[in-house]
């Protein structure tokens, strides 16, 4: 299967892990709905060949120092940006556990 099918499989896998449902492209217009229908999350899935090395390194560092069941978290802040707009990056498995616990 080609790349086209790979992103669909990725969306389906993410939806299953989060307890949501993949929204087919035919069921939405661009910007009309997220990739995954979920009661609490608005999920946009991006399938890429590789993640940026600096981001992977940051998550590895956060994971290495995680103790006592704490969830590794990477906060990405653009220089000059507002902290309210920073991005918070967690592993999908940890987000799924958080989402399940909040339900």
Protein backbone atom coordinates (compact mmCIF):
# COMPACT_ATOMS: atom_id res chain seq x y z
CA UNK A 1 0.00 0.00 0.00
CA UNK A 2 1.17 3.51 -0.74
CA UNK A 3 1.48 6.64 1.32
CA UNK A 4 -2.16 7.51 0.66
CA UNK A 5 -3.34 4.42 2.53
CA UNK A 6 -0.72 4.95 5.27
CA UNK A 7 -2.21 8.24 6.48
CA UNK A 8 -5.66 6.65 6.59
CA UNK A 9 -4.32 3.77 8.67
CA UNK A 10 -2.61 6.28 10.96
CA UNK A 11 -5.83 8.26 11.48
CA UNK A 12 -7.71 5.02 12.18
CA UNK A 13 -5.10 3.84 14.70
CA UNK A 14 -5.07 7.21 16.50
CA UNK A 15 -8.87 7.24 16.66
CA UNK A 16 -8.90 3.73 18.15
CA UNK A 17 -6.27 4.57 20.76
CA UNK A 18 -8.16 7.70 21.85
CA UNK A 19 -11.60 6.06 21.82
CA UNK A 20 -12.78 8.17 18.88
CA UNK A 21 -13.81 7.57 15.29
CA UNK A 22 -11.96 8.50 12.11
CA UNK A 23 -13.89 11.01 10.03
CA UNK A 24 -13.46 10.10 6.34
CA UNK A 25 -12.38 12.89 4.02
CA UNK A 26 -15.64 12.42 2.11
CA UNK A 27 -17.50 13.24 5.32
CA UNK A 28 -15.94 16.67 5.74
CA UNK A 29 -14.68 19.69 3.92
CA UNK A 30 -11.24 21.12 4.67
CA UNK A 31 -11.51 22.85 8.02
CA UNK A 32 -15.04 21.60 8.67
CA UNK A 33 -14.24 18.78 11.08
CA UNK A 34 -11.24 17.18 12.77
CA UNK A 35 -9.64 13.96 11.50
CA UNK A 36 -10.99 12.12 14.54
CA UNK A 37 -14.41 12.57 16.11
CA UNK A 38 -14.02 12.53 19.90
CA UNK A 39 -16.25 13.83 22.72
CA UNK A 40 -13.49 15.91 24.38
CA UNK A 41 -10.67 16.38 21.85
CA UNK A 42 -10.33 18.04 18.45
CA UNK A 43 -7.79 15.76 16.78
CA UNK A 44 -5.80 16.62 13.66
CA UNK A 45 -3.45 13.79 12.60
CA UNK A 46 -0.29 14.37 10.58
CA UNK A 47 1.55 11.36 9.11
CA UNK A 48 5.18 12.19 8.31
CA UNK A 49 8.26 10.27 7.26
CA UNK A 50 10.04 11.35 10.46
CA UNK A 51 9.63 13.73 13.38
CA UNK A 52 12.10 16.59 13.86
CA UNK A 53 15.16 15.31 15.72
CA UNK A 54 15.10 18.14 18.26
CA UNK A 55 11.51 17.24 19.20
CA UNK A 56 12.31 13.55 19.57
CA UNK A 57 15.38 14.47 21.65
CA UNK A 58 13.28 16.70 23.90
CA UNK A 59 10.73 13.93 24.48
CA UNK A 60 13.51 11.43 25.19
CA UNK A 61 14.92 13.85 27.78
CA UNK A 62 11.50 14.39 29.39
CA UNK A 63 10.95 10.63 29.48
CA UNK A 64 14.38 9.94 30.97
CA UNK A 65 13.77 12.28 33.93
CA UNK A 66 10.16 11.23 34.49
CA UNK A 67 9.69 9.66 37.94
CA UNK A 68 6.85 8.38 40.11
CA UNK A 69 4.38 7.90 37.26
CA UNK A 70 4.71 11.47 36.00
CA UNK A 71 3.82 11.98 32.35
CA UNK A 72 6.63 13.26 30.11
CA UNK A 73 5.73 16.64 28.59
CA UNK A 74 7.54 18.89 26.13
CA UNK A 75 6.47 22.53 25.85
CA UNK A 76 7.47 24.28 22.62
CA UNK A 77 7.62 28.08 22.83
CA UNK A 78 8.31 30.27 19.80
CA UNK A 79 10.61 33.20 20.55
CA UNK A 80 8.50 36.29 21.07
CA UNK A 81 5.27 34.30 21.19
CA UNK A 82 2.59 34.28 23.86
CA UNK A 83 2.95 31.45 26.35
CA UNK A 84 -0.78 30.76 26.09
CA UNK A 85 -0.11 29.72 22.48
CA UNK A 86 2.82 27.38 23.26
CA UNK A 87 2.42 23.78 22.14
CA UNK A 88 2.33 20.94 24.67
CA UNK A 89 3.58 17.62 23.33
CA UNK A 90 2.84 14.32 25.07
CA UNK A 91 3.10 10.74 23.87
CA UNK A 92 -0.19 9.50 22.42
CA UNK A 93 -0.41 6.65 24.91
CA UNK A 94 -0.18 9.15 27.79
CA UNK A 95 -2.81 11.42 26.24
CA UNK A 96 -5.14 8.44 25.84
CA UNK A 97 -4.72 7.61 29.54
CA UNK A 98 -5.40 11.25 30.49
CA UNK A 99 -8.47 11.44 28.25
CA UNK A 100 -9.79 8.17 29.66
CA UNK A 101 -9.27 9.36 33.23
CA UNK A 102 -11.10 12.63 32.53
CA UNK A 103 -14.16 10.88 31.09
